[in-house]
Amino acid sequence: MKKLLTFAVLVAFFATSAFTANKNATINPDADIVDLAVQTEFLSTLVAAVKAGDLVDVLKGDGPFTVFAPTNEAFAKLPAGTVENLLKPENKAQLVAVLTYHVVPGKVYSKDLKNGMKAKTVQGSDVTITLKDGKAMVNNATVSAADIEASNGVVHVIDTVILPSM
């Protein structure tokens, strides 16, 4: 009986952990979106871009915001020199347009997503949500970690930088 109970507990643990959107979702429940990104090594390029775009105070604001946060690897997929160019002071307007295209007003959780839905970004253009094979996509970016709570919103980590039409 004891072996059966132990087996049942292990099965329950692995079944529930398989459906956990992000094992780090409670890094610091009192942290705002910027603080969460700063605490996350694989978002360091995003943090540098937010600082260069003077958006730190905005993303530390009351919100709520939904942020589709590209990883360092997502930024690395861009053509060579793109990130460096965007970080130049003379390209600040373009950088802000790219970054604000990754932000939607309000809190949008994965449970709220519907296939084909559109969401208006802070930049002003829409992103399209696609649900396919159990994965959520924002335009051409796949959500790799969803529903990371912040004190002023929610973060979804994505594997590709999404770009607005310019």
C-alpha atoms as a PDB file:
ATOM      1  CA  MET A   1       0.000   0.000   0.000  1.00  0.00           C
ATOM      2  CA  LYS A   2       2.839   2.387   0.870  1.00  0.00           C
ATOM      3  CA  LYS A   3       4.461   1.800  -2.557  1.00  0.00           C
ATOM      4  CA  LEU A   4       1.150   2.481  -4.283  1.00  0.00           C
ATOM      5  CA  LEU A   5       0.689   5.740  -2.357  1.00  0.00           C
ATOM      6  CA  THR A   6       4.262   6.830  -3.169  1.00  0.00           C
ATOM      7  CA  PHE A   7       3.707   5.993  -6.839  1.00  0.00           C
ATOM      8  CA  ALA A   8       0.425   7.953  -6.886  1.00  0.00           C
ATOM      9  CA  VAL A   9       2.103  11.001  -5.330  1.00  0.00           C
ATOM     10  CA  LEU A  10       4.932  10.869  -7.898  1.00  0.00           C
ATOM     11  CA  VAL A  11       2.485  10.530 -10.797  1.00  0.00           C
ATOM     12  CA  ALA A  12       0.457  13.468  -9.479  1.00  0.00           C
ATOM     13  CA  PHE A  13       3.620  15.566  -9.091  1.00  0.00           C
ATOM     14  CA  PHE A  14       4.867  14.870 -12.611  1.00  0.00           C
ATOM     15  CA  ALA A  15       1.418  15.327 -14.147  1.00  0.00           C
ATOM     16  CA  THR A  16       0.902  18.722 -12.526  1.00  0.00           C
ATOM     17  CA  SER A  17       4.456  19.922 -13.184  1.00  0.00           C
ATOM     18  CA  ALA A  18       4.065  19.044 -16.867  1.00  0.00           C
ATOM     19  CA  PHE A  19       1.259  21.599 -17.083  1.00  0.00           C
ATOM     20  CA  THR A  20       3.050  24.345 -15.169  1.00  0.00           C
ATOM     21  CA  ALA A  21       3.548  27.255 -17.581  1.00  0.00           C
ATOM     22  CA  ASN A  22       6.783  28.379 -15.980  1.00  0.00           C
ATOM     23  CA  LYS A  23       8.561  26.887 -13.014  1.00  0.00           C
ATOM     24  CA  ASN A  24       9.976  30.356 -12.196  1.00  0.00           C
ATOM     25  CA  ALA A  25       6.606  32.092 -12.271  1.00  0.00           C
ATOM     26  CA  THR A  26       6.928  33.129  -8.644  1.00  0.00           C
ATOM     27  CA  ILE A  27      10.471  34.508  -8.766  1.00  0.00           C
ATOM     28  CA  ASN A  28       9.290  37.484  -6.742  1.00  0.00           C
ATOM     29  CA  PRO A  29       5.547  38.103  -6.632  1.00  0.00           C
ATOM     30  CA  ASP A  30       6.125  41.723  -5.531  1.00  0.00           C
ATOM     31  CA  ALA A  31       8.434  42.520  -8.470  1.00  0.00           C
ATOM     32  CA  ASP A  32       7.223  44.666 -11.333  1.00  0.00           C
ATOM     33  CA  ILE A  33       7.805  43.737 -14.978  1.00  0.00           C
ATOM     34  CA  VAL A  34      11.203  45.463 -15.166  1.00  0.00           C
ATOM     35  CA  ASP A  35      12.417  43.921 -11.902  1.00  0.00           C
ATOM     36  CA  LEU A  36      11.422  40.452 -13.135  1.00  0.00           C
ATOM     37  CA  ALA A  37      13.305  40.976 -16.396  1.00  0.00           C
ATOM     38  CA  VAL A  38      16.391  42.245 -14.557  1.00  0.00           C
ATOM     39  CA  GLN A  39      16.336  39.098 -12.382  1.00  0.00           C
ATOM     40  CA  THR A  40      16.191  36.882 -15.481  1.00  0.00           C
ATOM     41  CA  GLU A  41      19.557  36.409 -17.232  1.00  0.00           C
ATOM     42  CA  PHE A  42      18.017  35.291 -20.545  1.00  0.00           C
ATOM     43  CA  LEU A  43      16.174  38.641 -20.829  1.00  0.00           C
ATOM     44  CA  SER A  44      19.280  40.845 -20.453  1.00  0.00           C
ATOM     45  CA  THR A  45      19.129  42.111 -24.055  1.00  0.00           C
ATOM     46  CA  LEU A  46      15.515  43.146 -23.527  1.00  0.00           C
ATOM     47  CA  VAL A  47      16.515  44.956 -20.342  1.00  0.00           C
ATOM     48  CA  ALA A  48      19.278  46.839 -22.208  1.00  0.00           C
ATOM     49  CA  ALA A  49      16.792  47.808 -24.932  1.00  0.00           C
ATOM     50  CA  VAL A  50      14.179  48.995 -22.419  1.00  0.00           C
ATOM     51  CA  LYS A  51      16.834  51.153 -20.742  1.00  0.00           C
ATOM     52  CA  ALA A  52      18.036  52.565 -24.092  1.00  0.00           C
ATOM     53  CA  GLY A  53      14.434  53.361 -25.039  1.00  0.00           C
ATOM     54  CA  ASP A  54      13.826  55.159 -21.720  1.00  0.00           C
ATOM     55  CA  LEU A  55      10.894  52.833 -21.030  1.00  0.00           C
ATOM     56  CA  VAL A  56      11.945  51.660 -17.558  1.00  0.00           C
ATOM     57  CA  ASP A  57       9.674  54.120 -15.724  1.00  0.00           C
ATOM     58  CA  VAL A  58       6.743  53.263 -17.987  1.00  0.00           C
ATOM     59  CA  LEU A  59       7.090  49.503 -17.413  1.00  0.00           C
ATOM     60  CA  LYS A  60       7.539  50.083 -13.681  1.00  0.00           C
ATOM     61  CA  GLY A  61       4.259  52.040 -13.709  1.00  0.00           C
ATOM     62  CA  ASP A  62       0.890  50.887 -12.425  1.00  0.00           C
ATOM     63  CA  GLY A  63      -0.160  49.112 -15.617  1.00  0.00           C
ATOM     64  CA  PRO A  64      -1.447  46.573 -15.856  1.00  0.00           C
ATOM     65  CA  PHE A  65       0.552  45.461 -18.889  1.00  0.00           C
ATOM     66  CA  THR A  66       0.981  42.243 -20.795  1.00  0.00           C
ATOM     67  CA  VAL A  67       4.523  41.951 -22.124  1.00  0.00           C
ATOM     68  CA  PHE A  68       5.665  39.495 -24.773  1.00  0.00           C
ATOM     69  CA  ALA A  69       9.323  39.303 -23.714  1.00  0.00           C
ATOM     70  CA  PRO A  70      11.847  38.138 -26.329  1.00  0.00           C
ATOM     71  CA  THR A  71      14.810  36.170 -25.004  1.00  0.00           C
ATOM     72  CA  ASN A  72      18.452  36.949 -25.726  1.00  0.00           C
ATOM     73  CA  GLU A  73      18.330  34.135 -28.300  1.00  0.00           C
ATOM     74  CA  ALA A  74      15.345  35.833 -29.960  1.00  0.00           C
ATOM     75  CA  PHE A  75      17.351  39.050 -30.334  1.00  0.00           C
ATOM     76  CA  ALA A  76      20.299  37.017 -31.670  1.00  0.00           C
ATOM     77  CA  LYS A  77      18.074  35.736 -34.521  1.00  0.00           C
ATOM     78  CA  LEU A  78      17.788  39.277 -35.917  1.00  0.00           C
ATOM     79  CA  PRO A  79      20.141  40.144 -38.797  1.00  0.00           C
ATOM     80  CA  ALA A  80      23.663  41.032 -37.674  1.00  0.00           C
ATOM     81  CA  GLY A  81      23.936  44.587 -36.387  1.00  0.00           C
ATOM     82  CA  THR A  82      20.191  45.107 -35.901  1.00  0.00           C
ATOM     83  CA  VAL A  83      20.264  45.254 -32.101  1.00  0.00           C
ATOM     84  CA  GLU A  84      23.335  47.497 -32.058  1.00  0.00           C
ATOM     85  CA  ASN A  85      21.659  49.826 -34.567  1.00  0.00           C
ATOM     86  CA  LEU A  86      18.432  50.001 -32.569  1.00  0.00           C
ATOM     87  CA  LEU A  87      20.359  50.852 -29.393  1.00  0.00           C
ATOM     88  CA  LYS A  88      21.933  53.957 -30.972  1.00  0.00           C
ATOM     89  CA  PRO A  89      20.463  57.231 -29.640  1.00  0.00           C
ATOM     90  CA  GLU A  90      19.525  58.392 -33.148  1.00  0.00           C
ATOM     91  CA  ASN A  91      17.323  55.285 -33.581  1.00  0.00           C
ATOM     92  CA  LYS A  92      15.453  55.656 -30.295  1.00  0.00           C
ATOM     93  CA  ALA A  93      12.049  56.233 -31.958  1.00  0.00           C
ATOM     94  CA  GLN A  94      12.394  53.002 -33.943  1.00  0.00           C
ATOM     95  CA  LEU A  95      13.530  51.114 -30.814  1.00  0.00           C
ATOM     96  CA  VAL A  96      10.541  52.416 -28.850  1.00  0.00           C
ATOM     97  CA  ALA A  97       8.216  51.340 -31.685  1.00  0.00           C
ATOM     98  CA  VAL A  98       9.665  47.810 -31.627  1.00  0.00           C
ATOM     99  CA  LEU A  99       9.522  47.536 -27.833  1.00  0.00           C
ATOM    100  CA  THR A 100       6.002  48.938 -27.449  1.00  0.00           C
ATOM    101  CA  TYR A 101       4.854  46.463 -30.118  1.00  0.00           C
ATOM    102  CA  HIS A 102       5.604  43.798 -27.487  1.00  0.00           C
ATOM    103  CA  VAL A 103       3.247  45.364 -24.905  1.00  0.00           C
ATOM    104  CA  VAL A 104      -0.545  45.089 -24.678  1.00  0.00           C
ATOM    105  CA  PRO A 105      -2.530  47.152 -22.152  1.00  0.00           C
ATOM    106  CA  GLY A 106      -4.197  45.076 -19.422  1.00  0.00           C
ATOM    107  CA  LYS A 107      -3.511  41.550 -18.231  1.00  0.00           C
ATOM    108  CA  VAL A 108      -3.932  38.856 -20.864  1.00  0.00           C
ATOM    109  CA  TYR A 109      -3.394  35.329 -19.573  1.00  0.00           C
ATOM    110  CA  SER A 110      -2.945  32.220 -21.686  1.00  0.00           C
ATOM    111  CA  LYS A 111      -6.439  31.052 -20.678  1.00  0.00           C
ATOM    112  CA  ASP A 112      -7.816  34.220 -22.327  1.00  0.00           C
ATOM    113  CA  LEU A 113      -6.279  33.495 -25.726  1.00  0.00           C
ATOM    114  CA  LYS A 114      -8.361  32.413 -28.671  1.00  0.00           C
ATOM    115  CA  ASN A 115      -7.091  31.237 -32.029  1.00  0.00           C
ATOM    116  CA  GLY A 116      -7.010  34.115 -34.505  1.00  0.00           C
ATOM    117  CA  MET A 117      -7.638  36.824 -31.921  1.00  0.00           C
ATOM    118  CA  LYS A 118      -6.083  40.239 -32.415  1.00  0.00           C
ATOM    119  CA  ALA A 119      -4.667  42.399 -29.642  1.00  0.00           C
ATOM    120  CA  LYS A 120      -3.886  46.105 -29.973  1.00  0.00           C
ATOM    121  CA  THR A 121      -0.365  46.885 -28.767  1.00  0.00           C
ATOM    122  CA  VAL A 122       0.825  50.043 -27.044  1.00  0.00           C
ATOM    123  CA  GLN A 123       2.646  50.824 -30.311  1.00  0.00           C
ATOM    124  CA  GLY A 124      -0.758  51.025 -32.013  1.00  0.00           C
ATOM    125  CA  SER A 125      -0.679  48.008 -34.320  1.00  0.00           C
ATOM    126  CA  ASP A 126      -2.318  44.650 -33.735  1.00  0.00           C
ATOM    127  CA  VAL A 127      -0.630  41.330 -33.032  1.00  0.00           C
ATOM    128  CA  THR A 128      -2.341  38.084 -34.012  1.00  0.00           C
ATOM    129  CA  ILE A 129      -2.589  35.147 -31.625  1.00  0.00           C
ATOM    130  CA  THR A 130      -2.475  31.631 -33.058  1.00  0.00           C
ATOM    131  CA  LEU A 131      -3.076  28.452 -31.073  1.00  0.00           C
ATOM    132  CA  LYS A 132      -1.557  25.418 -32.743  1.00  0.00           C
ATOM    133  CA  ASP A 133      -0.529  21.994 -31.444  1.00  0.00           C
ATOM    134  CA  GLY A 134      -0.893  23.122 -27.828  1.00  0.00           C
ATOM    135  CA  LYS A 135       1.335  26.164 -28.329  1.00  0.00           C
ATOM    136  CA  ALA A 136       0.450  29.832 -28.404  1.00  0.00           C
ATOM    137  CA  MET A 137       2.035  32.104 -30.960  1.00  0.00           C
ATOM    138  CA  VAL A 138       2.139  35.893 -31.189  1.00  0.00           C
ATOM    139  CA  ASN A 139       2.582  36.683 -34.883  1.00  0.00           C
ATOM    140  CA  ASN A 140       5.557  34.425 -35.752  1.00  0.00           C
ATOM    141  CA  ALA A 141       6.874  34.054 -32.171  1.00  0.00           C
ATOM    142  CA  THR A 142       6.179  31.003 -30.027  1.00  0.00           C
ATOM    143  CA  VAL A 143       5.374  31.528 -26.359  1.00  0.00           C
ATOM    144  CA  SER A 144       7.907  29.448 -24.435  1.00  0.00           C
ATOM    145  CA  ALA A 145       6.813  30.442 -20.913  1.00  0.00           C
ATOM    146  CA  ALA A 146       3.419  31.930 -20.114  1.00  0.00           C
ATOM    147  CA  ASP A 147       1.600  33.723 -17.319  1.00  0.00           C
ATOM    148  CA  ILE A 148       4.585  34.973 -15.311  1.00  0.00           C
ATOM    149  CA  GLU A 149       3.005  37.232 -12.705  1.00  0.00           C
ATOM    150  CA  ALA A 150       4.381  40.666 -11.939  1.00  0.00           C
ATOM    151  CA  SER A 151       2.973  43.258  -9.564  1.00  0.00           C
ATOM    152  CA  ASN A 152       1.902  45.401 -12.538  1.00  0.00           C
ATOM    153  CA  GLY A 153       1.055  42.829 -15.173  1.00  0.00           C
ATOM    154  CA  VAL A 154       1.898  39.529 -16.748  1.00  0.00           C
ATOM    155  CA  VAL A 155       4.828  38.394 -18.894  1.00  0.00           C
ATOM    156  CA  HIS A 156       4.914  35.790 -21.651  1.00  0.00           C
ATOM    157  CA  VAL A 157       8.403  34.814 -22.844  1.00  0.00           C
ATOM    158  CA  ILE A 158       8.702  34.489 -26.639  1.00  0.00           C
ATOM    159  CA  ASP A 159      11.370  32.975 -28.877  1.00  0.00           C
ATOM    160  CA  THR A 160      11.353  35.624 -31.637  1.00  0.00           C
ATOM    161  CA  VAL A 161      11.382  39.419 -31.710  1.00  0.00           C
ATOM    162  CA  ILE A 162       8.137  40.543 -33.337  1.00  0.00           C
ATOM    163  CA  LEU A 163       8.410  43.582 -35.565  1.00  0.00           C
ATOM    164  CA  PRO A 164       5.706  46.085 -36.461  1.00  0.00           C
ATOM    165  CA  SER A 165       5.293  47.328 -40.022  1.00  0.00           C
ATOM    166  CA  MET A 166       7.389  50.452 -40.386  1.00  0.00           C
END
